[in-house]
């Protein structure tokens, strides 16, 4: 019978601990992000070997405070089955997006192009982690996009 009060106290303690809210802290923003490939193998005449691919990252800031884009990590998820493979790397950026606004930033990423062939128009599956700073601290957003590779 003595275990019943202890179990009840334990359940009550767990319930109170899990219901603690973080008062004074605002929720981290969830900015919509899109990415577009500006320069790829088609614009470089489908070379075989190391290339640099240019991307434009568009970020919408839905908050009433500015957010700053500080870094982006990119990698391809294709396993040797697309027009190119990105080297898994990060790129430091410094772009402040005004409150309730949309802005973009371009960057170049190192890749390996497989030249002309069957896969030169296969889409790229890109995984990106975008890092931000804002008055409430730091946060990141991960997204995956499929980018088409149609030659002109």
C-alpha atoms as a PDB file:
ATOM      1  CA  UNK A   1       0.000   0.000   0.000  1.00  0.00           C
ATOM      2  CA  UNK A   2       2.902   2.369   0.561  1.00  0.00           C
ATOM      3  CA  UNK A   3       3.803   2.166  -3.130  1.00  0.00           C
ATOM      4  CA  UNK A   4       0.557   3.748  -4.242  1.00  0.00           C
ATOM      5  CA  UNK A   5       1.311   7.236  -2.799  1.00  0.00           C
ATOM      6  CA  UNK A   6       4.880   7.094  -4.218  1.00  0.00           C
ATOM      7  CA  UNK A   7       3.574   6.117  -7.668  1.00  0.00           C
ATOM      8  CA  UNK A   8       0.983   8.867  -7.519  1.00  0.00           C
ATOM      9  CA  UNK A   9       3.655  11.443  -6.585  1.00  0.00           C
ATOM     10  CA  UNK A  10       5.906  10.196  -9.392  1.00  0.00           C
ATOM     11  CA  UNK A  11       3.113  10.466 -11.979  1.00  0.00           C
ATOM     12  CA  UNK A  12       2.224  13.933 -10.734  1.00  0.00           C
ATOM     13  CA  UNK A  13       5.881  15.048 -10.928  1.00  0.00           C
ATOM     14  CA  UNK A  14       6.238  13.733 -14.488  1.00  0.00           C
ATOM     15  CA  UNK A  15       3.000  15.416 -15.532  1.00  0.00           C
ATOM     16  CA  UNK A  16       4.125  18.753 -14.095  1.00  0.00           C
ATOM     17  CA  UNK A  17       7.559  18.497 -15.697  1.00  0.00           C
ATOM     18  CA  UNK A  18       6.148  17.748 -19.132  1.00  0.00           C
ATOM     19  CA  UNK A  19       3.631  20.591 -18.977  1.00  0.00           C
ATOM     20  CA  UNK A  20       6.204  23.316 -18.314  1.00  0.00           C
ATOM     21  CA  UNK A  21       5.883  25.862 -21.062  1.00  0.00           C
ATOM     22  CA  UNK A  22       8.683  28.147 -22.131  1.00  0.00           C
ATOM     23  CA  UNK A  23       7.152  31.463 -21.141  1.00  0.00           C
ATOM     24  CA  UNK A  24       8.747  34.501 -22.669  1.00  0.00           C
ATOM     25  CA  UNK A  25      10.178  32.572 -25.631  1.00  0.00           C
ATOM     26  CA  UNK A  26       8.577  33.015 -29.011  1.00  0.00           C
ATOM     27  CA  UNK A  27       8.327  30.182 -31.470  1.00  0.00           C
ATOM     28  CA  UNK A  28      11.073  29.918 -34.052  1.00  0.00           C
ATOM     29  CA  UNK A  29      10.032  31.153 -37.479  1.00  0.00           C
ATOM     30  CA  UNK A  30       9.441  28.731 -40.330  1.00  0.00           C
ATOM     31  CA  UNK A  31      10.451  30.737 -43.409  1.00  0.00           C
ATOM     32  CA  UNK A  32       9.360  29.355 -46.799  1.00  0.00           C
ATOM     33  CA  UNK A  33      12.459  28.596 -48.888  1.00  0.00           C
ATOM     34  CA  UNK A  34      12.851  27.878 -52.591  1.00  0.00           C
ATOM     35  CA  UNK A  35      15.988  27.112 -54.569  1.00  0.00           C
ATOM     36  CA  UNK A  36      16.651  27.442 -58.281  1.00  0.00           C
ATOM     37  CA  UNK A  37      19.619  26.308 -60.337  1.00  0.00           C
ATOM     38  CA  UNK A  38      20.906  29.232 -62.423  1.00  0.00           C
ATOM     39  CA  UNK A  39      24.022  27.645 -63.956  1.00  0.00           C
ATOM     40  CA  UNK A  40      24.477  23.914 -64.390  1.00  0.00           C
ATOM     41  CA  UNK A  41      25.952  21.410 -66.839  1.00  0.00           C
ATOM     42  CA  UNK A  42      23.738  22.557 -69.748  1.00  0.00           C
ATOM     43  CA  UNK A  43      24.989  26.152 -69.481  1.00  0.00           C
ATOM     44  CA  UNK A  44      28.588  24.868 -69.307  1.00  0.00           C
ATOM     45  CA  UNK A  45      28.183  22.634 -72.418  1.00  0.00           C
ATOM     46  CA  UNK A  46      28.048  19.362 -70.425  1.00  0.00           C
ATOM     47  CA  UNK A  47      31.699  19.023 -69.374  1.00  0.00           C
ATOM     48  CA  UNK A  48      33.063  15.861 -67.770  1.00  0.00           C
ATOM     49  CA  UNK A  49      34.815  16.642 -64.503  1.00  0.00           C
ATOM     50  CA  UNK A  50      34.739  19.269 -61.742  1.00  0.00           C
ATOM     51  CA  UNK A  51      32.357  22.185 -62.252  1.00  0.00           C
ATOM     52  CA  UNK A  52      30.673  24.876 -60.181  1.00  0.00           C
ATOM     53  CA  UNK A  53      26.893  25.123 -60.147  1.00  0.00           C
ATOM     54  CA  UNK A  54      25.172  28.402 -59.313  1.00  0.00           C
ATOM     55  CA  UNK A  55      22.019  28.440 -57.201  1.00  0.00           C
ATOM     56  CA  UNK A  56      19.619  31.153 -56.143  1.00  0.00           C
ATOM     57  CA  UNK A  57      18.103  30.700 -52.689  1.00  0.00           C
ATOM     58  CA  UNK A  58      14.854  32.623 -52.100  1.00  0.00           C
ATOM     59  CA  UNK A  59      13.731  33.110 -48.487  1.00  0.00           C
ATOM     60  CA  UNK A  60      10.485  34.623 -47.271  1.00  0.00           C
ATOM     61  CA  UNK A  61      10.496  36.175 -43.794  1.00  0.00           C
ATOM     62  CA  UNK A  62       6.937  35.934 -42.385  1.00  0.00           C
ATOM     63  CA  UNK A  63       7.913  37.442 -39.010  1.00  0.00           C
ATOM     64  CA  UNK A  64       7.851  41.051 -37.769  1.00  0.00           C
ATOM     65  CA  UNK A  65      11.600  40.808 -37.000  1.00  0.00           C
ATOM     66  CA  UNK A  66      14.569  40.555 -39.375  1.00  0.00           C
ATOM     67  CA  UNK A  67      16.210  37.164 -39.885  1.00  0.00           C
ATOM     68  CA  UNK A  68      19.746  36.685 -41.188  1.00  0.00           C
ATOM     69  CA  UNK A  69      20.766  33.846 -43.464  1.00  0.00           C
ATOM     70  CA  UNK A  70      24.251  32.810 -42.288  1.00  0.00           C
ATOM     71  CA  UNK A  71      25.106  29.494 -43.926  1.00  0.00           C
ATOM     72  CA  UNK A  72      23.831  26.862 -46.324  1.00  0.00           C
ATOM     73  CA  UNK A  73      24.909  23.212 -46.609  1.00  0.00           C
ATOM     74  CA  UNK A  74      24.092  21.398 -49.837  1.00  0.00           C
ATOM     75  CA  UNK A  75      24.469  17.842 -51.089  1.00  0.00           C
ATOM     76  CA  UNK A  76      22.900  15.648 -53.740  1.00  0.00           C
ATOM     77  CA  UNK A  77      21.030  12.520 -52.740  1.00  0.00           C
ATOM     78  CA  UNK A  78      21.402  10.855 -56.162  1.00  0.00           C
ATOM     79  CA  UNK A  79      23.764   7.917 -56.136  1.00  0.00           C
ATOM     80  CA  UNK A  80      25.729   8.375 -59.341  1.00  0.00           C
ATOM     81  CA  UNK A  81      22.538   8.630 -61.373  1.00  0.00           C
ATOM     82  CA  UNK A  82      22.103  12.237 -62.414  1.00  0.00           C
ATOM     83  CA  UNK A  83      23.731  14.971 -64.480  1.00  0.00           C
ATOM     84  CA  UNK A  84      26.093  15.875 -61.628  1.00  0.00           C
ATOM     85  CA  UNK A  85      26.922  15.164 -58.010  1.00  0.00           C
ATOM     86  CA  UNK A  86      27.474  17.937 -55.499  1.00  0.00           C
ATOM     87  CA  UNK A  87      30.363  17.758 -53.121  1.00  0.00           C
ATOM     88  CA  UNK A  88      28.837  17.804 -49.619  1.00  0.00           C
ATOM     89  CA  UNK A  89      29.961  21.193 -48.395  1.00  0.00           C
ATOM     90  CA  UNK A  90      28.813  24.370 -46.681  1.00  0.00           C
ATOM     91  CA  UNK A  91      28.882  27.955 -47.849  1.00  0.00           C
ATOM     92  CA  UNK A  92      28.922  30.929 -45.490  1.00  0.00           C
ATOM     93  CA  UNK A  93      26.539  33.721 -46.401  1.00  0.00           C
ATOM     94  CA  UNK A  94      25.422  36.907 -44.692  1.00  0.00           C
ATOM     95  CA  UNK A  95      22.045  38.100 -45.931  1.00  0.00           C
ATOM     96  CA  UNK A  96      19.499  39.863 -43.734  1.00  0.00           C
ATOM     97  CA  UNK A  97      15.879  39.448 -44.787  1.00  0.00           C
ATOM     98  CA  UNK A  98      13.678  42.329 -43.707  1.00  0.00           C
ATOM     99  CA  UNK A  99      10.503  41.681 -41.703  1.00  0.00           C
ATOM    100  CA  UNK A 100       7.554  40.465 -43.806  1.00  0.00           C
ATOM    101  CA  UNK A 101       9.685  40.469 -46.970  1.00  0.00           C
ATOM    102  CA  UNK A 102      11.218  38.066 -49.460  1.00  0.00           C
ATOM    103  CA  UNK A 103      14.834  38.235 -50.605  1.00  0.00           C
ATOM    104  CA  UNK A 104      17.303  36.029 -52.423  1.00  0.00           C
ATOM    105  CA  UNK A 105      20.991  35.212 -52.437  1.00  0.00           C
ATOM    106  CA  UNK A 106      23.091  33.415 -55.054  1.00  0.00           C
ATOM    107  CA  UNK A 107      26.012  31.103 -54.399  1.00  0.00           C
ATOM    108  CA  UNK A 108      28.258  28.681 -56.278  1.00  0.00           C
ATOM    109  CA  UNK A 109      28.638  25.040 -55.224  1.00  0.00           C
ATOM    110  CA  UNK A 110      31.362  22.590 -56.236  1.00  0.00           C
ATOM    111  CA  UNK A 111      30.158  19.567 -58.203  1.00  0.00           C
ATOM    112  CA  UNK A 112      31.285  16.778 -60.507  1.00  0.00           C
ATOM    113  CA  UNK A 113      29.615  16.682 -63.916  1.00  0.00           C
ATOM    114  CA  UNK A 114      29.281  13.423 -65.845  1.00  0.00           C
ATOM    115  CA  UNK A 115      29.328  14.962 -69.328  1.00  0.00           C
ATOM    116  CA  UNK A 116      27.021  14.149 -72.208  1.00  0.00           C
ATOM    117  CA  UNK A 117      25.146  10.900 -71.973  1.00  0.00           C
ATOM    118  CA  UNK A 118      21.971   9.216 -70.905  1.00  0.00           C
ATOM    119  CA  UNK A 119      21.781  10.999 -67.564  1.00  0.00           C
ATOM    120  CA  UNK A 120      22.597  14.564 -68.620  1.00  0.00           C
ATOM    121  CA  UNK A 121      18.907  15.556 -68.355  1.00  0.00           C
ATOM    122  CA  UNK A 122      18.069  13.550 -65.217  1.00  0.00           C
ATOM    123  CA  UNK A 123      16.899  15.698 -62.308  1.00  0.00           C
ATOM    124  CA  UNK A 124      19.064  16.393 -59.279  1.00  0.00           C
ATOM    125  CA  UNK A 125      17.750  15.619 -55.801  1.00  0.00           C
ATOM    126  CA  UNK A 126      19.217  18.338 -53.610  1.00  0.00           C
ATOM    127  CA  UNK A 127      19.247  18.350 -49.807  1.00  0.00           C
ATOM    128  CA  UNK A 128      19.970  21.656 -48.094  1.00  0.00           C
ATOM    129  CA  UNK A 129      20.300  22.853 -44.524  1.00  0.00           C
ATOM    130  CA  UNK A 130      19.877  26.607 -44.187  1.00  0.00           C
ATOM    131  CA  UNK A 131      21.109  28.320 -41.013  1.00  0.00           C
ATOM    132  CA  UNK A 132      19.577  31.521 -39.660  1.00  0.00           C
ATOM    133  CA  UNK A 133      20.060  34.046 -36.862  1.00  0.00           C
ATOM    134  CA  UNK A 134      17.230  36.119 -35.444  1.00  0.00           C
ATOM    135  CA  UNK A 135      16.584  38.057 -32.208  1.00  0.00           C
ATOM    136  CA  UNK A 136      15.298  34.863 -30.532  1.00  0.00           C
ATOM    137  CA  UNK A 137      18.495  32.908 -31.280  1.00  0.00           C
ATOM    138  CA  UNK A 138      19.717  30.602 -34.037  1.00  0.00           C
ATOM    139  CA  UNK A 139      17.711  28.057 -36.003  1.00  0.00           C
ATOM    140  CA  UNK A 140      17.969  25.940 -39.119  1.00  0.00           C
ATOM    141  CA  UNK A 141      15.667  24.583 -41.780  1.00  0.00           C
ATOM    142  CA  UNK A 142      16.204  21.400 -43.790  1.00  0.00           C
ATOM    143  CA  UNK A 143      14.573  20.814 -47.147  1.00  0.00           C
ATOM    144  CA  UNK A 144      14.828  18.519 -50.171  1.00  0.00           C
ATOM    145  CA  UNK A 145      14.058  19.616 -53.732  1.00  0.00           C
ATOM    146  CA  UNK A 146      14.228  17.939 -57.100  1.00  0.00           C
ATOM    147  CA  UNK A 147      15.792  20.259 -59.684  1.00  0.00           C
ATOM    148  CA  UNK A 148      15.201  19.547 -63.390  1.00  0.00           C
ATOM    149  CA  UNK A 149      18.147  19.363 -65.801  1.00  0.00           C
ATOM    150  CA  UNK A 150      16.679  20.080 -69.212  1.00  0.00           C
ATOM    151  CA  UNK A 151      19.188  21.172 -71.829  1.00  0.00           C
ATOM    152  CA  UNK A 152      18.489  24.209 -73.946  1.00  0.00           C
END
